[in-house]
Amino acid sequence: MVYDEGLAERIRHHLGAEPGVTEKRMFGGIAFLYRGNMAVGVTGDDLMVRVGSDTADAALARPGARVFDMTGRPMRGWVVVAGSAVTEDEALGAWIDEGRAFAASLPPK
């Protein structure tokens, strides 16, 4: 699957050279991991965000967000955000920061 390289580049720019951030091909796209735990990624034109089970309902209420379901089995604690909902850097940055914060709450891998 081809992913939106422009969106991936915007994520790279937001994350900068932050220590502990790595990239890995996952889910037919690219994922950005913090200390070995996935924080955000790009699949197709959309943003994947790991928000955690406790905040998933609130995340799903935000514009453009939907359940992350690539195989017919929804992944708890994850959302997919339509690319059209993250065209503004502020909106994208908020999602990236949320995903990174959740990944930071997990033990390093």
N, C-alpha and C. Protein backbone atom coordinates (compact mmCIF):
# COMPACT_ATOMS: atom_id res chain seq x y z
N MET A 1 0.84 -1.18 0.00
CA MET A 1 0.00 0.00 0.00
C MET A 1 0.89 1.24 0.00
N VAL A 2 0.50 2.19 -0.78
CA VAL A 2 1.22 3.46 -0.84
C VAL A 2 0.66 4.36 0.26
N TYR A 3 1.54 5.08 0.93
CA TYR A 3 1.09 5.99 1.97
C TYR A 3 1.46 7.41 1.59
N ASP A 4 0.80 8.36 2.21
CA ASP A 4 1.00 9.78 1.93
C ASP A 4 2.35 10.22 2.50
N GLU A 5 3.34 10.31 1.63
CA GLU A 5 4.68 10.69 2.06
C GLU A 5 4.71 12.12 2.58
N GLY A 6 3.84 12.98 2.05
CA GLY A 6 3.77 14.36 2.55
C GLY A 6 3.34 14.41 4.00
N LEU A 7 2.35 13.58 4.36
CA LEU A 7 1.91 13.51 5.74
C LEU A 7 3.02 12.95 6.63
N ALA A 8 3.71 11.92 6.14
CA ALA A 8 4.83 11.34 6.89
C ALA A 8 5.91 12.40 7.12
N GLU A 9 6.18 13.21 6.12
CA GLU A 9 7.20 14.24 6.26
C GLU A 9 6.78 15.30 7.26
N ARG A 10 5.51 15.64 7.30
CA ARG A 10 5.01 16.60 8.29
C ARG A 10 5.17 16.04 9.71
N ILE A 11 4.95 14.74 9.87
CA ILE A 11 5.16 14.10 11.17
C ILE A 11 6.63 14.17 11.54
N ARG A 12 7.51 13.84 10.59
CA ARG A 12 8.95 13.92 10.86
C ARG A 12 9.34 15.33 11.31
N HIS A 13 8.81 16.32 10.62
CA HIS A 13 9.12 17.71 10.95
C HIS A 13 8.65 18.04 12.37
N HIS A 14 7.45 17.60 12.74
CA HIS A 14 6.92 17.88 14.07
C HIS A 14 7.75 17.19 15.16
N LEU A 15 8.14 15.96 14.89
CA LEU A 15 8.92 15.21 15.89
C LEU A 15 10.37 15.69 15.96
N GLY A 16 10.84 16.28 14.87
CA GLY A 16 12.22 16.77 14.85
C GLY A 16 13.20 15.64 15.08
N ALA A 17 14.25 15.93 15.75
CA ALA A 17 15.28 14.93 16.05
C ALA A 17 15.13 14.43 17.47
N GLU A 18 13.88 14.28 17.90
CA GLU A 18 13.64 13.86 19.28
C GLU A 18 14.26 12.49 19.54
N PRO A 19 15.07 12.38 20.59
CA PRO A 19 15.68 11.09 20.92
C PRO A 19 14.59 10.04 21.21
N GLY A 20 14.84 8.84 20.79
CA GLY A 20 13.91 7.75 21.07
C GLY A 20 12.88 7.53 19.98
N VAL A 21 12.83 8.39 18.96
CA VAL A 21 11.87 8.23 17.87
C VAL A 21 12.52 7.46 16.73
N THR A 22 11.83 6.42 16.28
CA THR A 22 12.29 5.64 15.13
C THR A 22 11.12 5.45 14.18
N GLU A 23 11.44 5.06 12.96
CA GLU A 23 10.42 4.77 11.94
C GLU A 23 10.48 3.31 11.56
N LYS A 24 9.31 2.76 11.22
CA LYS A 24 9.24 1.36 10.83
C LYS A 24 8.06 1.17 9.90
N ARG A 25 8.23 0.39 8.87
CA ARG A 25 7.10 0.08 7.97
C ARG A 25 6.15 -0.87 8.69
N MET A 26 4.89 -0.46 8.79
CA MET A 26 3.86 -1.27 9.46
C MET A 26 2.51 -0.96 8.83
N PHE A 27 1.60 -1.92 8.90
CA PHE A 27 0.21 -1.73 8.47
C PHE A 27 0.12 -1.19 7.05
N GLY A 28 1.06 -1.56 6.18
CA GLY A 28 1.03 -1.09 4.81
C GLY A 28 1.43 0.36 4.68
N GLY A 29 1.97 0.94 5.72
CA GLY A 29 2.39 2.34 5.70
C GLY A 29 3.66 2.50 6.49
N ILE A 30 3.74 3.59 7.21
CA ILE A 30 4.91 3.86 8.03
C ILE A 30 4.46 4.24 9.43
N ALA A 31 5.19 3.74 10.42
CA ALA A 31 4.86 4.02 11.82
C ALA A 31 6.03 4.77 12.45
N PHE A 32 5.68 5.63 13.40
CA PHE A 32 6.67 6.36 14.17
C PHE A 32 6.57 5.85 15.61
N LEU A 33 7.66 5.31 16.09
CA LEU A 33 7.70 4.71 17.41
C LEU A 33 8.48 5.60 18.37
N TYR A 34 8.04 5.61 19.60
CA TYR A 34 8.77 6.31 20.66
C TYR A 34 9.21 5.28 21.67
N ARG A 35 10.51 5.15 21.86
CA ARG A 35 11.10 4.15 22.74
C ARG A 35 10.58 2.74 22.44
N GLY A 36 10.37 2.47 21.15
CA GLY A 36 9.95 1.15 20.70
C GLY A 36 8.45 0.91 20.67
N ASN A 37 7.65 1.86 21.13
CA ASN A 37 6.19 1.74 21.12
C ASN A 37 5.60 2.66 20.07
N MET A 38 4.68 2.12 19.28
CA MET A 38 4.10 2.94 18.23
C MET A 38 3.31 4.10 18.82
N ALA A 39 3.51 5.28 18.25
CA ALA A 39 2.80 6.49 18.66
C ALA A 39 1.81 6.91 17.58
N VAL A 40 2.31 7.09 16.37
CA VAL A 40 1.49 7.50 15.23
C VAL A 40 2.02 6.82 13.98
N GLY A 41 1.23 6.89 12.93
CA GLY A 41 1.67 6.34 11.65
C GLY A 41 0.81 6.86 10.53
N VAL A 42 1.19 6.49 9.33
CA VAL A 42 0.44 6.88 8.15
C VAL A 42 0.09 5.62 7.37
N THR A 43 -1.18 5.48 7.04
CA THR A 43 -1.63 4.41 6.17
C THR A 43 -2.51 5.05 5.11
N GLY A 44 -2.17 4.85 3.86
CA GLY A 44 -2.89 5.55 2.80
C GLY A 44 -2.74 7.05 3.00
N ASP A 45 -3.87 7.74 3.03
CA ASP A 45 -3.87 9.19 3.26
C ASP A 45 -4.21 9.55 4.70
N ASP A 46 -4.32 8.54 5.55
CA ASP A 46 -4.82 8.76 6.91
C ASP A 46 -3.72 8.63 7.96
N LEU A 47 -4.00 9.21 9.11
CA LEU A 47 -3.12 9.17 10.26
C LEU A 47 -3.62 8.13 11.24
N MET A 48 -2.75 7.25 11.71
CA MET A 48 -3.07 6.30 12.77
C MET A 48 -2.51 6.87 14.06
N VAL A 49 -3.28 6.78 15.13
CA VAL A 49 -2.82 7.31 16.41
C VAL A 49 -3.13 6.32 17.51
N ARG A 50 -2.14 6.03 18.32
CA ARG A 50 -2.34 5.16 19.48
C ARG A 50 -2.66 6.05 20.67
N VAL A 51 -3.92 5.99 21.12
CA VAL A 51 -4.38 6.89 22.18
C VAL A 51 -4.60 6.19 23.51
N GLY A 52 -4.69 4.88 23.50
CA GLY A 52 -4.97 4.13 24.72
C GLY A 52 -6.46 3.93 24.93
N SER A 53 -6.81 2.88 25.61
CA SER A 53 -8.23 2.54 25.83
C SER A 53 -8.98 3.57 26.65
N ASP A 54 -8.30 4.20 27.61
CA ASP A 54 -8.98 5.15 28.48
C ASP A 54 -9.44 6.42 27.78
N THR A 55 -8.77 6.81 26.72
CA THR A 55 -9.13 8.05 26.03
C THR A 55 -9.66 7.83 24.62
N ALA A 56 -9.86 6.57 24.25
CA ALA A 56 -10.31 6.27 22.88
C ALA A 56 -11.66 6.88 22.56
N ASP A 57 -12.63 6.82 23.48
CA ASP A 57 -13.95 7.38 23.20
C ASP A 57 -13.88 8.89 22.96
N ALA A 58 -13.10 9.59 23.75
CA ALA A 58 -12.95 11.03 23.57
C ALA A 58 -12.25 11.32 22.23
N ALA A 59 -11.27 10.51 21.89
CA ALA A 59 -10.57 10.69 20.62
C ALA A 59 -11.51 10.46 19.44
N LEU A 60 -12.36 9.47 19.56
CA LEU A 60 -13.30 9.17 18.47
C LEU A 60 -14.34 10.26 18.26
N ALA A 61 -14.54 11.10 19.26
CA ALA A 61 -15.51 12.20 19.15
C ALA A 61 -14.91 13.40 18.40
N ARG A 62 -13.62 13.38 18.15
CA ARG A 62 -12.96 14.49 17.46
C ARG A 62 -13.16 14.39 15.95
N PRO A 63 -13.11 15.54 15.26
CA PRO A 63 -13.35 15.56 13.81
C PRO A 63 -12.42 14.62 13.04
N GLY A 64 -13.01 13.83 12.16
CA GLY A 64 -12.25 12.96 11.27
C GLY A 64 -11.80 11.64 11.85
N ALA A 65 -12.03 11.41 13.14
CA ALA A 65 -11.54 10.19 13.79
C ALA A 65 -12.54 9.05 13.63
N ARG A 66 -12.00 7.86 13.48
CA ARG A 66 -12.83 6.65 13.40
C ARG A 66 -12.06 5.49 14.03
N VAL A 67 -12.76 4.41 14.25
CA VAL A 67 -12.15 3.22 14.84
C VAL A 67 -11.09 2.66 13.89
N PHE A 68 -9.98 2.24 14.43
CA PHE A 68 -8.92 1.62 13.65
C PHE A 68 -9.29 0.15 13.45
N ASP A 69 -9.68 -0.19 12.25
CA ASP A 69 -10.14 -1.54 11.94
C ASP A 69 -9.67 -1.90 10.54
N MET A 70 -8.55 -2.60 10.45
CA MET A 70 -8.01 -2.97 9.14
C MET A 70 -8.32 -4.41 8.77
N THR A 71 -8.75 -5.21 9.74
CA THR A 71 -8.92 -6.64 9.48
C THR A 71 -10.30 -7.16 9.84
N GLY A 72 -11.23 -6.27 10.18
CA GLY A 72 -12.54 -6.70 10.66
C GLY A 72 -12.58 -6.84 12.17
N ARG A 73 -11.45 -6.60 12.82
CA ARG A 73 -11.39 -6.63 14.28
C ARG A 73 -10.83 -5.29 14.75
N PRO A 74 -11.67 -4.44 15.31
CA PRO A 74 -11.20 -3.12 15.76
C PRO A 74 -10.07 -3.25 16.77
N MET A 75 -9.11 -2.36 16.66
CA MET A 75 -7.99 -2.35 17.59
C MET A 75 -8.29 -1.34 18.70
N ARG A 76 -8.44 -1.83 19.90
CA ARG A 76 -8.77 -0.97 21.05
C ARG A 76 -7.62 -0.03 21.34
N GLY A 77 -7.97 1.21 21.63
CA GLY A 77 -6.96 2.18 22.00
C GLY A 77 -6.27 2.86 20.82
N TRP A 78 -6.77 2.59 19.63
CA TRP A 78 -6.21 3.18 18.42
C TRP A 78 -7.32 3.89 17.66
N VAL A 79 -6.98 4.94 16.95
CA VAL A 79 -7.92 5.60 16.05
C VAL A 79 -7.22 5.89 14.74
N VAL A 80 -8.03 6.05 13.71
CA VAL A 80 -7.55 6.52 12.42
C VAL A 80 -8.19 7.87 12.20
N VAL A 81 -7.40 8.83 11.77
CA VAL A 81 -7.89 10.18 11.53
C VAL A 81 -7.77 10.47 10.04
N ALA A 82 -8.86 10.88 9.44
CA ALA A 82 -8.87 11.19 8.01
C ALA A 82 -7.82 12.25 7.72
N GLY A 83 -7.10 12.06 6.63
CA GLY A 83 -6.08 13.03 6.24
C GLY A 83 -6.65 14.43 6.10
N SER A 84 -7.91 14.53 5.69
CA SER A 84 -8.54 15.84 5.52
C SER A 84 -8.74 16.56 6.86
N ALA A 85 -8.68 15.83 7.96
CA ALA A 85 -8.87 16.44 9.28
C ALA A 85 -7.55 16.92 9.90
N VAL A 86 -6.43 16.63 9.23
CA VAL A 86 -5.13 17.04 9.77
C VAL A 86 -4.34 17.87 8.75
N THR A 87 -5.06 18.63 7.95
CA THR A 87 -4.37 19.48 6.98
C THR A 87 -3.70 20.67 7.66
N GLU A 88 -4.23 21.09 8.79
CA GLU A 88 -3.63 22.18 9.56
C GLU A 88 -2.57 21.61 10.50
N ASP A 89 -1.43 22.28 10.56
CA ASP A 89 -0.34 21.79 11.41
C ASP A 89 -0.73 21.68 12.88
N GLU A 90 -1.58 22.58 13.35
CA GLU A 90 -2.00 22.55 14.76
C GLU A 90 -2.79 21.27 15.06
N ALA A 91 -3.70 20.90 14.16
CA ALA A 91 -4.50 19.68 14.37
C ALA A 91 -3.60 18.44 14.31
N LEU A 92 -2.71 18.40 13.33
CA LEU A 92 -1.80 17.27 13.23
C LEU A 92 -0.90 17.18 14.45
N GLY A 93 -0.37 18.31 14.88
CA GLY A 93 0.51 18.33 16.05
C GLY A 93 -0.16 17.82 17.30
N ALA A 94 -1.44 18.17 17.47
CA ALA A 94 -2.17 17.71 18.66
C ALA A 94 -2.29 16.19 18.66
N TRP A 95 -2.58 15.60 17.50
CA TRP A 95 -2.68 14.14 17.42
C TRP A 95 -1.31 13.49 17.65
N ILE A 96 -0.28 14.04 17.04
CA ILE A 96 1.07 13.48 17.22
C ILE A 96 1.46 13.52 18.69
N ASP A 97 1.22 14.66 19.33
CA ASP A 97 1.58 14.79 20.75
C ASP A 97 0.80 13.81 21.61
N GLU A 98 -0.46 13.58 21.27
CA GLU A 98 -1.26 12.62 22.04
C GLU A 98 -0.72 11.20 21.88
N GLY A 99 -0.39 10.83 20.64
CA GLY A 99 0.17 9.51 20.40
C GLY A 99 1.52 9.32 21.07
N ARG A 100 2.37 10.33 21.01
CA ARG A 100 3.68 10.26 21.64
C ARG A 100 3.54 10.17 23.15
N ALA A 101 2.60 10.93 23.71
CA ALA A 101 2.39 10.89 25.17
C ALA A 101 1.95 9.50 25.62
N PHE A 102 1.07 8.87 24.84
CA PHE A 102 0.65 7.53 25.23
C PHE A 102 1.82 6.56 25.12
N ALA A 103 2.58 6.63 24.03
CA ALA A 103 3.73 5.74 23.87
C ALA A 103 4.73 5.96 24.99
N ALA A 104 4.89 7.20 25.44
CA ALA A 104 5.81 7.50 26.52
C ALA A 104 5.34 6.92 27.85
N SER A 105 4.06 6.65 27.98
CA SER A 105 3.53 6.10 29.22
C SER A 105 3.78 4.59 29.34
N LEU A 106 4.24 3.98 28.26
CA LEU A 106 4.50 2.54 28.24
C LEU A 106 5.97 2.25 28.52
N PRO A 107 6.26 1.08 29.04
CA PRO A 107 7.66 0.71 29.25
C PRO A 107 8.40 0.66 27.90
N PRO A 108 9.64 1.11 27.84
CA PRO A 108 10.41 1.02 26.58
C PRO A 108 10.56 -0.44 26.15
N LYS A 109 10.61 -0.63 24.85
CA LYS A 109 10.84 -1.98 24.31
C LYS A 109 12.27 -2.12 23.87
